[in-house]
Amino acid sequence: MRKLRAAAIQLRSGIEPAANRAQAEPFLREAASAGARFIVTPENTLRMDRDKARMFAAVGPEKGDSELLAWGRLAQELGVWIQMGSGPIATGEGKVFNRSFVFDDNGKIAARYDKINLFDVTLGGGETYRESDTVEGGQKAVLFSGPMGAKIGLSICYDLRFAPLYSAYAKAGAEIITVPAAFTVPTGQAHWETLLRARAIETHAFVIASAQGGRHEDGRATYGHSMIIDPWGKVVAKLDHDEPGFVIADLDLDAVAEARAKIPAWHGGREFDAP
């Protein structure tokens, strides 16, 4: 039996990366002490700042970034794999990537993923988001071999609404799919758990969803409710609030193959012409 203990950390990130790491560190240490070997933090863990001018003035390239180096040292010290949900990384062309980093238990970057689907929406009530104004979208899905050889597919927040990305991960053999996120309160209340469970059911993979929650320093409000879901769509661990904290669960990786053997729905299916 291949069992991997994993944790999803919920944060309320602000403007300063060092302060955000300080907020996350007690949860990382507690989860590691409880046996977690793969720990996921939310989207915008590195920095949550809607002030474009201030954000661009502070953001630089990946190489030599002091906070990324600090996250790597923390993973090495704890002897765990950490997915730092995401942070802005300068593209050199007037925008940033919304980039997720996975650090292995030696503190090295094992995988990177740039958010593909950008959050350009109008929710009503004056709530409008245009992520593409500042972010350059990623171009490729990323699947890597993590702790215990687990095959892990990466996504970020708004990607959750685009099922083909997750089907591609399932077809590539992903056993775990991560969804670090910063969902708005209205969309979180309406769709967060439903979409997460749907992706787990469609792919028959574990889903680890780490969320931002509450009212942030820059004024934005996020939904929280981080959770871990099994390949049959059952929520096995969940925070029922938007306060910082974490959930932890044992992932039986053999359950992925068992679920896929029962209902291999993503193995093809009929193709239809548009009406």
Protein backbone atom coordinates (compact mmCIF):
# COMPACT_ATOMS: atom_id res chain seq x y z
CA MET A 1 0.00 0.00 0.00
CA ARG A 2 1.34 3.42 -0.99
CA LYS A 3 0.18 5.97 1.56
CA LEU A 4 1.26 9.58 1.46
CA ARG A 5 0.30 11.98 4.23
CA ALA A 6 -0.44 15.40 2.75
CA ALA A 7 -1.60 18.75 4.08
CA ALA A 8 -3.38 21.80 2.69
CA ILE A 9 -2.56 25.09 4.38
CA GLN A 10 -4.98 28.03 4.45
CA LEU A 11 -3.57 31.56 4.72
CA ARG A 12 -4.53 35.22 4.70
CA SER A 13 -1.60 36.61 2.75
CA GLY A 14 -0.70 40.27 2.64
CA ILE A 15 1.67 42.57 0.81
CA GLU A 16 5.01 41.52 2.34
CA PRO A 17 6.44 38.12 1.30
CA ALA A 18 8.51 37.65 4.46
CA ALA A 19 5.45 38.25 6.64
CA ASN A 20 3.46 35.76 4.56
CA ARG A 21 6.15 33.12 5.05
CA ALA A 22 6.16 33.86 8.78
CA GLN A 23 2.39 33.32 8.83
CA ALA A 24 2.72 29.99 7.01
CA GLU A 25 5.71 28.63 8.91
CA PRO A 26 3.95 27.47 12.13
CA PHE A 27 1.42 25.52 10.06
CA LEU A 28 4.19 24.02 7.93
CA ARG A 29 6.04 22.91 11.04
CA GLU A 30 2.93 21.50 12.69
CA ALA A 31 1.92 19.60 9.56
CA ALA A 32 5.44 18.22 9.14
CA SER A 33 5.52 17.17 12.82
CA ALA A 34 2.20 15.35 12.22
CA GLY A 35 3.82 13.33 9.45
CA ALA A 36 2.85 15.26 6.32
CA ARG A 37 5.39 14.75 3.55
CA PHE A 38 3.70 16.89 0.90
CA ILE A 39 2.32 20.28 1.94
CA VAL A 40 0.49 22.74 -0.33
CA THR A 41 -0.06 26.45 0.35
CA PRO A 42 -2.51 28.75 -1.50
CA GLU A 43 -2.31 30.90 -4.59
CA ASN A 44 -0.66 34.25 -3.83
CA THR A 45 1.20 32.84 -0.85
CA LEU A 46 4.21 34.96 -1.78
CA ARG A 47 2.31 38.24 -2.17
CA MET A 48 -1.33 39.37 -2.27
CA ASP A 49 -1.48 42.91 -3.59
CA ARG A 50 -4.06 44.52 -5.88
CA ASP A 51 -2.00 47.73 -6.16
CA LYS A 52 -0.40 47.16 -9.56
CA ALA A 53 2.23 49.88 -9.30
CA ARG A 54 3.38 48.74 -5.87
CA MET A 55 3.40 45.09 -6.93
CA PHE A 56 5.43 45.72 -10.09
CA ALA A 57 7.92 47.86 -8.17
CA ALA A 58 8.53 44.99 -5.73
CA VAL A 59 8.56 41.97 -8.04
CA GLY A 60 11.70 40.68 -9.74
CA PRO A 61 12.89 37.62 -11.66
CA GLU A 62 13.01 34.15 -10.16
CA LYS A 63 16.79 33.81 -10.12
CA GLY A 64 18.26 34.86 -6.79
CA ASP A 65 14.89 35.72 -5.22
CA SER A 66 15.54 35.75 -1.47
CA GLU A 67 12.07 34.52 -0.53
CA LEU A 68 12.23 31.54 -2.87
CA LEU A 69 15.58 30.64 -1.36
CA ALA A 70 14.02 30.90 2.12
CA TRP A 71 11.16 28.59 1.14
CA GLY A 72 13.69 26.08 -0.18
CA ARG A 73 15.65 26.19 3.07
CA LEU A 74 12.45 25.61 5.03
CA ALA A 75 11.56 22.53 2.94
CA GLN A 76 15.07 21.17 3.47
CA GLU A 77 15.00 21.82 7.21
CA LEU A 78 11.63 20.11 7.65
CA GLY A 79 12.50 17.28 5.27
CA VAL A 80 9.23 17.65 3.36
CA TRP A 81 8.03 18.57 -0.12
CA ILE A 82 6.35 21.98 -0.19
CA GLN A 83 4.31 23.44 -3.00
CA MET A 84 4.39 27.19 -2.45
CA GLY A 85 1.03 27.85 -4.09
CA SER A 86 2.07 30.82 -6.19
CA GLY A 87 3.66 34.23 -6.39
CA PRO A 88 4.29 36.91 -9.02
CA ILE A 89 7.53 36.50 -10.98
CA ALA A 90 8.64 39.16 -13.46
CA THR A 91 8.52 38.12 -17.12
CA GLY A 92 10.88 40.88 -18.23
CA GLU A 93 8.20 42.11 -20.64
CA GLY A 94 6.04 44.31 -18.44
CA LYS A 95 3.95 41.56 -16.84
CA VAL A 96 4.38 38.80 -14.27
CA PHE A 97 3.82 35.07 -14.24
CA ASN A 98 1.52 33.72 -11.54
CA ARG A 99 3.96 30.90 -10.78
CA SER A 100 3.73 27.93 -8.44
CA PHE A 101 6.92 26.35 -7.08
CA VAL A 102 7.44 22.84 -5.72
CA PHE A 103 10.43 22.38 -3.41
CA ASP A 104 11.65 18.85 -2.73
CA ASP A 105 12.84 17.65 0.66
CA ASN A 106 16.37 18.78 -0.20
CA GLY A 107 15.12 22.33 -0.77
CA LYS A 108 15.55 22.24 -4.56
CA ILE A 109 12.90 23.41 -7.00
CA ALA A 110 11.43 20.21 -8.41
CA ALA A 111 8.67 21.77 -10.54
CA ARG A 112 7.27 25.11 -11.66
CA TYR A 113 3.84 25.88 -13.08
CA ASP A 114 2.59 29.15 -14.57
CA LYS A 115 -1.17 29.64 -14.27
CA ILE A 116 -2.69 29.00 -17.68
CA ASN A 117 -6.27 30.27 -17.35
CA LEU A 118 -6.41 33.86 -16.15
CA PHE A 119 -9.21 35.31 -14.02
CA ASP A 120 -10.94 37.85 -16.26
CA VAL A 121 -14.50 38.09 -14.93
CA THR A 122 -17.29 40.50 -14.05
CA LEU A 123 -19.21 39.23 -11.04
CA GLY A 124 -21.62 42.13 -10.62
CA GLY A 125 -21.94 44.55 -7.76
CA GLY A 126 -18.84 46.37 -8.98
CA GLU A 127 -16.63 43.30 -8.53
CA THR A 128 -14.49 42.94 -11.67
CA TYR A 129 -11.15 41.20 -12.13
CA ARG A 130 -8.76 41.42 -15.10
CA GLU A 131 -5.82 39.19 -14.22
CA SER A 132 -4.58 39.31 -17.81
CA ASP A 133 -3.84 43.02 -17.39
CA THR A 134 -0.85 42.13 -15.23
CA VAL A 135 -0.24 38.40 -15.70
CA GLU A 136 1.15 36.48 -18.66
CA GLY A 137 -0.62 33.15 -18.94
CA GLY A 138 1.31 29.90 -18.86
CA GLN A 139 1.51 27.62 -21.87
CA LYS A 140 1.87 24.08 -20.54
CA ALA A 141 0.56 21.62 -17.99
CA VAL A 142 3.12 20.30 -15.52
CA LEU A 143 3.20 16.77 -14.12
CA PHE A 144 6.06 15.72 -11.84
CA SER A 145 7.12 12.81 -9.68
CA GLY A 146 6.85 13.79 -6.02
CA PRO A 147 7.28 12.05 -2.67
CA MET A 148 6.87 8.27 -2.80
CA GLY A 149 6.96 8.63 -6.58
CA ALA A 150 3.46 10.09 -6.61
CA LYS A 151 2.51 11.59 -9.97
CA ILE A 152 1.29 15.12 -9.24
CA GLY A 153 -0.37 17.56 -11.64
CA LEU A 154 -0.33 21.29 -10.98
CA SER A 155 -3.04 23.90 -11.46
CA ILE A 156 -3.97 27.24 -9.92
CA CYS A 157 -7.39 28.65 -8.92
CA TYR A 158 -9.31 29.67 -12.08
CA ASP A 159 -7.84 26.67 -13.91
CA LEU A 160 -10.40 24.70 -11.88
CA ARG A 161 -13.15 25.71 -14.31
CA PHE A 162 -11.38 24.20 -17.34
CA ALA A 163 -11.93 20.44 -17.27
CA PRO A 164 -9.69 19.55 -20.26
CA LEU A 165 -6.57 20.43 -18.23
CA TYR A 166 -7.56 17.92 -15.57
CA SER A 167 -8.50 15.26 -18.10
CA ALA A 168 -5.03 15.64 -19.59
CA TYR A 169 -3.52 15.05 -16.16
CA ALA A 170 -5.65 11.94 -15.65
CA LYS A 171 -4.65 10.54 -19.04
CA ALA A 172 -1.00 11.19 -18.15
CA GLY A 173 -1.41 9.16 -14.95
CA ALA A 174 -1.70 11.88 -12.30
CA GLU A 175 -2.54 10.48 -8.87
CA ILE A 176 -2.78 13.86 -7.14
CA ILE A 177 -3.86 17.22 -8.55
CA THR A 178 -3.24 20.41 -6.61
CA VAL A 179 -5.41 23.53 -6.69
CA PRO A 180 -3.86 26.38 -4.71
CA ALA A 181 -6.46 29.14 -4.91
CA ALA A 182 -7.73 32.56 -3.87
CA PHE A 183 -11.43 32.23 -4.71
CA THR A 184 -13.72 35.22 -4.33
CA VAL A 185 -16.44 34.89 -1.71
CA PRO A 186 -19.40 34.82 -4.17
CA THR A 187 -17.83 32.22 -6.47
CA GLY A 188 -16.50 30.25 -3.53
CA GLN A 189 -19.90 29.99 -1.91
CA ALA A 190 -21.51 28.95 -5.19
CA HIS A 191 -18.92 26.73 -6.88
CA TRP A 192 -15.74 25.93 -4.89
CA GLU A 193 -16.57 22.54 -3.39
CA THR A 194 -18.76 21.48 -6.32
CA LEU A 195 -16.00 22.09 -8.87
CA LEU A 196 -13.33 20.45 -6.72
CA ARG A 197 -15.39 17.31 -6.21
CA ALA A 198 -16.24 17.24 -9.91
CA ARG A 199 -12.56 17.32 -10.87
CA ALA A 200 -11.76 14.54 -8.41
CA ILE A 201 -14.63 12.42 -9.74
CA GLU A 202 -13.76 13.07 -13.40
CA THR A 203 -10.09 12.27 -13.00
CA HIS A 204 -10.27 9.72 -10.17
CA ALA A 205 -7.35 11.51 -8.56
CA PHE A 206 -6.84 13.03 -5.14
CA VAL A 207 -7.37 16.80 -5.14
CA ILE A 208 -5.54 19.02 -2.65
CA ALA A 209 -7.12 22.48 -2.57
CA SER A 210 -5.34 25.10 -0.46
CA ALA A 211 -7.14 28.42 -0.22
CA GLN A 212 -6.67 31.99 0.84
CA GLY A 213 -9.38 33.12 3.26
CA GLY A 214 -10.79 36.26 4.85
CA ARG A 215 -10.21 40.00 4.41
CA HIS A 216 -6.68 40.73 3.19
CA GLU A 217 -4.35 43.66 3.75
CA ASP A 218 -5.03 44.96 0.23
CA GLY A 219 -8.80 44.94 0.86
CA ARG A 220 -9.66 41.83 -1.11
CA ALA A 221 -11.85 39.11 0.48
CA THR A 222 -11.40 35.41 -0.25
CA TYR A 223 -13.48 32.34 0.57
CA GLY A 224 -11.19 29.86 2.37
CA HIS A 225 -12.61 26.36 3.00
CA SER A 226 -9.47 24.42 2.05
CA MET A 227 -10.03 20.71 1.56
CA ILE A 228 -8.65 17.37 0.40
CA ILE A 229 -10.83 15.10 -1.77
CA ASP A 230 -10.36 11.42 -2.61
CA PRO A 231 -10.63 9.80 -6.09
CA TRP A 232 -14.26 8.87 -5.47
CA GLY A 233 -15.20 12.50 -4.82
CA LYS A 234 -15.41 12.24 -1.02
CA VAL A 235 -14.17 15.20 1.02
CA VAL A 236 -11.77 13.57 3.48
CA ALA A 237 -10.53 16.74 5.22
CA LYS A 238 -11.95 20.27 5.23
CA LEU A 239 -11.81 23.64 6.97
CA ASP A 240 -15.35 25.00 7.39
CA HIS A 241 -14.19 28.62 7.67
CA ASP A 242 -11.87 31.24 6.18
CA GLU A 243 -9.38 31.52 9.05
CA PRO A 244 -5.72 30.49 8.63
CA GLY A 245 -5.06 26.85 9.48
CA PHE A 246 -4.51 23.51 7.78
CA VAL A 247 -6.01 20.10 7.11
CA ILE A 248 -4.15 16.83 6.80
CA ALA A 249 -5.04 13.43 5.33
CA ASP A 250 -3.52 10.11 4.37
CA LEU A 251 -3.71 9.55 0.62
CA ASP A 252 -3.89 5.89 -0.39
CA LEU A 253 -2.36 6.22 -3.84
CA ASP A 254 -3.47 2.70 -4.78
CA ALA A 255 -7.07 3.97 -4.57
CA VAL A 256 -6.49 5.96 -7.76
CA ALA A 257 -5.99 2.88 -9.91
CA GLU A 258 -8.88 1.13 -8.18
CA ALA A 259 -11.27 3.99 -8.92
CA ARG A 260 -10.13 4.23 -12.53
CA ALA A 261 -10.64 0.50 -13.02
CA LYS A 262 -14.25 0.85 -11.89
CA ILE A 263 -15.28 3.82 -14.05
CA PRO A 264 -12.68 4.76 -16.70
CA ALA A 265 -14.88 7.55 -18.03
CA TRP A 266 -12.03 9.73 -19.28
CA HIS A 267 -10.72 6.98 -21.56
CA GLY A 268 -12.17 8.40 -24.74
CA GLY A 269 -15.93 8.57 -25.18
CA ARG A 270 -17.84 9.58 -28.30
CA GLU A 271 -16.96 12.72 -30.19
CA PHE A 272 -19.83 14.99 -31.27
CA ASP A 273 -20.10 17.71 -33.85
CA ALA A 274 -21.17 21.14 -32.69
CA PRO A 275 -24.95 21.69 -33.13
